[in-house]
Amino acid sequence: METLRRDIARMIHADPSEIGADDNLMDLGLDSMRAMALVLSWEQQGLKLDFSELAADVTLAGWWAVVARQQDMERT
């Protein structure tokens, strides 16, 4: 989760400590273009994510849940 937090913080020019697990990322300044850039960056690192799943819960905890599910599916 901390890697996601750092990547999001870098994208919105904030300190990672300012992003709480349940904070709405859009309220913190993450717009859809930046979110898509993050998804593309993570895909380049091998993490396959569905943007629509991330849009359903725009919090760090919500995004981490999507990542964890994806990683579980890849392991099976």
Protein backbone atom coordinates (compact mmCIF):
# COMPACT_ATOMS: atom_id res chain seq x y z
CA MET A 1 0.00 0.00 0.00
CA GLU A 2 2.87 2.36 0.71
CA THR A 3 4.08 2.21 -2.89
CA LEU A 4 0.62 3.22 -4.08
CA ARG A 5 0.55 6.02 -1.51
CA ARG A 6 3.94 7.33 -2.66
CA ASP A 7 3.00 7.14 -6.36
CA ILE A 8 -0.28 8.97 -5.77
CA ALA A 9 1.44 11.59 -3.59
CA ARG A 10 4.03 12.22 -6.28
CA MET A 11 1.27 12.62 -8.89
CA ILE A 12 -0.63 15.21 -6.83
CA HIS A 13 2.50 16.90 -5.45
CA ALA A 14 1.74 16.03 -1.83
CA ASP A 15 3.55 14.39 1.03
CA PRO A 16 2.60 10.71 1.32
CA SER A 17 1.74 11.25 4.99
CA GLU A 18 -1.07 13.57 3.87
CA ILE A 19 -2.94 10.70 2.19
CA GLY A 20 -5.08 8.68 4.58
CA ALA A 21 -6.37 5.25 3.66
CA ASP A 22 -9.97 6.48 3.48
CA ASP A 23 -9.39 9.92 1.99
CA ASN A 24 -11.13 10.58 -1.32
CA LEU A 25 -8.25 10.87 -3.77
CA MET A 26 -10.22 13.17 -6.06
CA ASP A 27 -10.74 15.58 -3.16
CA LEU A 28 -6.96 15.58 -2.69
CA GLY A 29 -6.41 16.67 -6.29
CA LEU A 30 -6.20 13.44 -8.27
CA ASP A 31 -8.18 14.00 -11.45
CA SER A 32 -9.09 11.33 -13.99
CA MET A 33 -6.13 12.11 -16.27
CA ARG A 34 -3.63 11.70 -13.44
CA ALA A 35 -5.39 8.55 -12.28
CA MET A 36 -5.12 7.10 -15.78
CA ALA A 37 -1.43 8.04 -15.89
CA LEU A 38 -0.94 6.13 -12.64
CA VAL A 39 -2.74 3.08 -14.00
CA LEU A 40 -0.60 3.16 -17.15
CA SER A 41 2.55 3.49 -15.06
CA TRP A 42 1.55 0.54 -12.89
CA GLU A 43 0.73 -1.50 -15.99
CA GLN A 44 4.24 -0.83 -17.31
CA GLN A 45 5.49 -2.31 -14.05
CA GLY A 46 3.41 -5.44 -14.66
CA LEU A 47 0.32 -4.68 -12.59
CA LYS A 48 -2.84 -5.13 -14.66
CA LEU A 49 -5.69 -3.01 -13.29
CA ASP A 50 -9.17 -2.20 -14.55
CA PHE A 51 -9.68 1.56 -14.32
CA SER A 52 -13.43 1.11 -13.77
CA GLU A 53 -12.73 -0.97 -10.64
CA LEU A 54 -10.55 1.81 -9.27
CA ALA A 55 -13.23 4.40 -10.06
CA ALA A 56 -15.72 2.53 -7.88
CA ASP A 57 -13.87 3.45 -4.66
CA VAL A 58 -11.48 6.37 -5.07
CA THR A 59 -9.58 5.90 -1.82
CA LEU A 60 -6.18 4.44 -1.11
CA ALA A 61 -7.82 1.56 0.76
CA GLY A 62 -10.21 0.95 -2.14
CA TRP A 63 -7.41 0.93 -4.67
CA TRP A 64 -5.30 -1.33 -2.49
CA ALA A 65 -8.21 -3.80 -2.32
CA VAL A 66 -8.31 -3.88 -6.14
CA VAL A 67 -4.55 -4.43 -6.32
CA ALA A 68 -4.70 -7.20 -3.70
CA ARG A 69 -7.51 -8.98 -5.59
CA GLN A 70 -5.53 -8.74 -8.82
CA GLN A 71 -2.40 -10.11 -7.18
CA ASP A 72 -4.41 -12.98 -5.67
CA MET A 73 -5.85 -13.84 -9.09
CA GLU A 74 -2.37 -13.85 -10.63
CA ARG A 75 -1.10 -16.26 -7.97
CA THR A 76 -3.83 -18.80 -8.65
